Amino acid sequence: MDSHTTDRSDEGGMKESRRRSGAPRGEVLSEFDAGSDHFRVELRGHDLWGVEVLVFQNGALLYRRRFYTRELAEQWAHDQRAELQRGNSN
């Protein structure tokens, strides 16, 4: 890194912003199998834009949705898991 390049990962309160949103990037909320498929549900914080739930099926992004709070995101993720385990997806 030269004098004109800076590492901004700790500048501007990035870590603090992630704490406020409730979910660090890529936090695995759950992993489970349904039928022959493997699902992974992640939470990702987006600073002031809320918390995003990403649902992966066999490693590929199936869908995502963003919420204002972590609590709403976790509830939706819980409901989606129940639907996926019953064989339905929305």
C-alpha atoms as a PDB file:
ATOM      1  CA  MET A   1       0.000   0.000   0.000  1.00  0.00           C
ATOM      2  CA  ASP A   2       1.509   3.337  -1.018  1.00  0.00           C
ATOM      3  CA  SER A   3       0.933   6.743   0.554  1.00  0.00           C
ATOM      4  CA  HIS A   4      -2.044   7.424  -1.740  1.00  0.00           C
ATOM      5  CA  THR A   5      -3.864   4.194  -0.908  1.00  0.00           C
ATOM      6  CA  THR A   6      -5.742   3.746   2.309  1.00  0.00           C
ATOM      7  CA  ASP A   7      -7.557   0.846   3.859  1.00  0.00           C
ATOM      8  CA  ARG A   8     -11.029   2.185   4.582  1.00  0.00           C
ATOM      9  CA  SER A   9     -12.408  -0.939   6.253  1.00  0.00           C
ATOM     10  CA  ASP A  10     -12.273   0.680   9.702  1.00  0.00           C
ATOM     11  CA  GLU A  11     -12.894   4.283   8.652  1.00  0.00           C
ATOM     12  CA  GLY A  12     -16.215   6.074   8.751  1.00  0.00           C
ATOM     13  CA  GLY A  13     -17.732   3.925  11.439  1.00  0.00           C
ATOM     14  CA  MET A  14     -18.363   0.931   9.157  1.00  0.00           C
ATOM     15  CA  LYS A  15     -18.221  -1.530  12.036  1.00  0.00           C
ATOM     16  CA  GLU A  16     -20.518   0.682  14.082  1.00  0.00           C
ATOM     17  CA  SER A  17     -22.971   0.915  11.165  1.00  0.00           C
ATOM     18  CA  ARG A  18     -23.127  -2.848  10.865  1.00  0.00           C
ATOM     19  CA  ARG A  19     -23.861  -3.161  14.574  1.00  0.00           C
ATOM     20  CA  ARG A  20     -26.728  -0.651  14.295  1.00  0.00           C
ATOM     21  CA  SER A  21     -28.354  -2.616  11.472  1.00  0.00           C
ATOM     22  CA  GLY A  22     -28.214  -5.781  13.562  1.00  0.00           C
ATOM     23  CA  ALA A  23     -26.478  -8.172  11.187  1.00  0.00           C
ATOM     24  CA  PRO A  24     -22.894  -8.338   9.992  1.00  0.00           C
ATOM     25  CA  ARG A  25     -22.404  -9.274   6.349  1.00  0.00           C
ATOM     26  CA  GLY A  26     -22.932 -12.947   5.643  1.00  0.00           C
ATOM     27  CA  GLU A  27     -24.202 -14.054   9.054  1.00  0.00           C
ATOM     28  CA  VAL A  28     -25.589 -17.568   8.576  1.00  0.00           C
ATOM     29  CA  LEU A  29     -28.968 -17.707  10.276  1.00  0.00           C
ATOM     30  CA  SER A  30     -29.761 -21.326   9.430  1.00  0.00           C
ATOM     31  CA  GLU A  31     -28.895 -24.252   7.196  1.00  0.00           C
ATOM     32  CA  PHE A  32     -31.192 -27.169   6.565  1.00  0.00           C
ATOM     33  CA  ASP A  33     -32.109 -29.891   4.117  1.00  0.00           C
ATOM     34  CA  ALA A  34     -35.538 -30.216   2.548  1.00  0.00           C
ATOM     35  CA  GLY A  35     -36.020 -33.171   0.267  1.00  0.00           C
ATOM     36  CA  SER A  36     -32.881 -33.494  -1.826  1.00  0.00           C
ATOM     37  CA  ASP A  37     -32.018 -29.775  -1.541  1.00  0.00           C
ATOM     38  CA  HIS A  38     -29.743 -27.950   0.875  1.00  0.00           C
ATOM     39  CA  PHE A  39     -30.776 -24.449   1.965  1.00  0.00           C
ATOM     40  CA  ARG A  40     -28.759 -21.713   3.670  1.00  0.00           C
ATOM     41  CA  VAL A  41     -30.309 -18.532   5.031  1.00  0.00           C
ATOM     42  CA  GLU A  42     -28.053 -15.519   5.604  1.00  0.00           C
ATOM     43  CA  LEU A  43     -28.586 -12.109   7.132  1.00  0.00           C
ATOM     44  CA  ARG A  44     -26.632  -9.166   5.778  1.00  0.00           C
ATOM     45  CA  GLY A  45     -26.566  -5.706   7.273  1.00  0.00           C
ATOM     46  CA  HIS A  46     -26.875  -2.759   4.901  1.00  0.00           C
ATOM     47  CA  ASP A  47     -26.077   0.082   7.233  1.00  0.00           C
ATOM     48  CA  LEU A  48     -28.981   2.519   7.246  1.00  0.00           C
ATOM     49  CA  TRP A  49     -30.944   0.505   4.635  1.00  0.00           C
ATOM     50  CA  GLY A  50     -31.782  -2.333   7.002  1.00  0.00           C
ATOM     51  CA  VAL A  51     -31.156  -6.052   7.026  1.00  0.00           C
ATOM     52  CA  GLU A  52     -31.389  -8.356   4.042  1.00  0.00           C
ATOM     53  CA  VAL A  53     -32.314 -12.034   4.119  1.00  0.00           C
ATOM     54  CA  LEU A  54     -30.745 -14.155   1.396  1.00  0.00           C
ATOM     55  CA  VAL A  55     -31.962 -17.695   0.772  1.00  0.00           C
ATOM     56  CA  PHE A  56     -29.639 -20.054  -1.102  1.00  0.00           C
ATOM     57  CA  GLN A  57     -30.680 -23.386  -2.571  1.00  0.00           C
ATOM     58  CA  ASN A  58     -27.813 -25.786  -3.252  1.00  0.00           C
ATOM     59  CA  GLY A  59     -25.382 -22.853  -3.179  1.00  0.00           C
ATOM     60  CA  ALA A  60     -27.288 -20.649  -5.664  1.00  0.00           C
ATOM     61  CA  LEU A  61     -29.215 -17.557  -4.608  1.00  0.00           C
ATOM     62  CA  LEU A  62     -32.905 -18.453  -4.644  1.00  0.00           C
ATOM     63  CA  TYR A  63     -34.287 -15.092  -3.461  1.00  0.00           C
ATOM     64  CA  ARG A  64     -33.671 -12.151  -1.145  1.00  0.00           C
ATOM     65  CA  ARG A  65     -35.703  -9.603   0.762  1.00  0.00           C
ATOM     66  CA  ARG A  66     -34.792  -6.512   2.776  1.00  0.00           C
ATOM     67  CA  PHE A  67     -36.310  -5.414   6.094  1.00  0.00           C
ATOM     68  CA  TYR A  68     -36.008  -2.365   8.312  1.00  0.00           C
ATOM     69  CA  THR A  69     -35.160  -4.368  11.425  1.00  0.00           C
ATOM     70  CA  ARG A  70     -33.360  -7.571  12.296  1.00  0.00           C
ATOM     71  CA  GLU A  71     -36.425  -8.837  14.155  1.00  0.00           C
ATOM     72  CA  LEU A  72     -38.612  -8.574  11.042  1.00  0.00           C
ATOM     73  CA  ALA A  73     -35.920 -10.250   8.946  1.00  0.00           C
ATOM     74  CA  GLU A  74     -35.542 -13.134  11.392  1.00  0.00           C
ATOM     75  CA  GLN A  75     -39.315 -13.691  11.584  1.00  0.00           C
ATOM     76  CA  TRP A  76     -39.644 -13.751   7.796  1.00  0.00           C
ATOM     77  CA  ALA A  77     -36.666 -16.110   7.499  1.00  0.00           C
ATOM     78  CA  HIS A  78     -38.238 -18.418  10.089  1.00  0.00           C
ATOM     79  CA  ASP A  79     -41.532 -18.433   8.156  1.00  0.00           C
ATOM     80  CA  GLN A  80     -39.716 -19.100   4.862  1.00  0.00           C
ATOM     81  CA  ARG A  81     -37.863 -22.035   6.382  1.00  0.00           C
ATOM     82  CA  ALA A  82     -41.166 -23.565   7.483  1.00  0.00           C
ATOM     83  CA  GLU A  83     -42.587 -23.089   3.963  1.00  0.00           C
ATOM     84  CA  LEU A  84     -39.511 -24.588   2.295  1.00  0.00           C
ATOM     85  CA  GLN A  85     -39.570 -27.571   4.601  1.00  0.00           C
ATOM     86  CA  ARG A  86     -43.232 -28.129   3.686  1.00  0.00           C
ATOM     87  CA  GLY A  87     -42.242 -27.996   0.013  1.00  0.00           C
ATOM     88  CA  ASN A  88     -43.535 -24.505  -0.790  1.00  0.00           C
ATOM     89  CA  SER A  89     -41.570 -21.356  -1.598  1.00  0.00           C
ATOM     90  CA  ASN A  90     -42.719 -17.747  -1.922  1.00  0.00           C
END
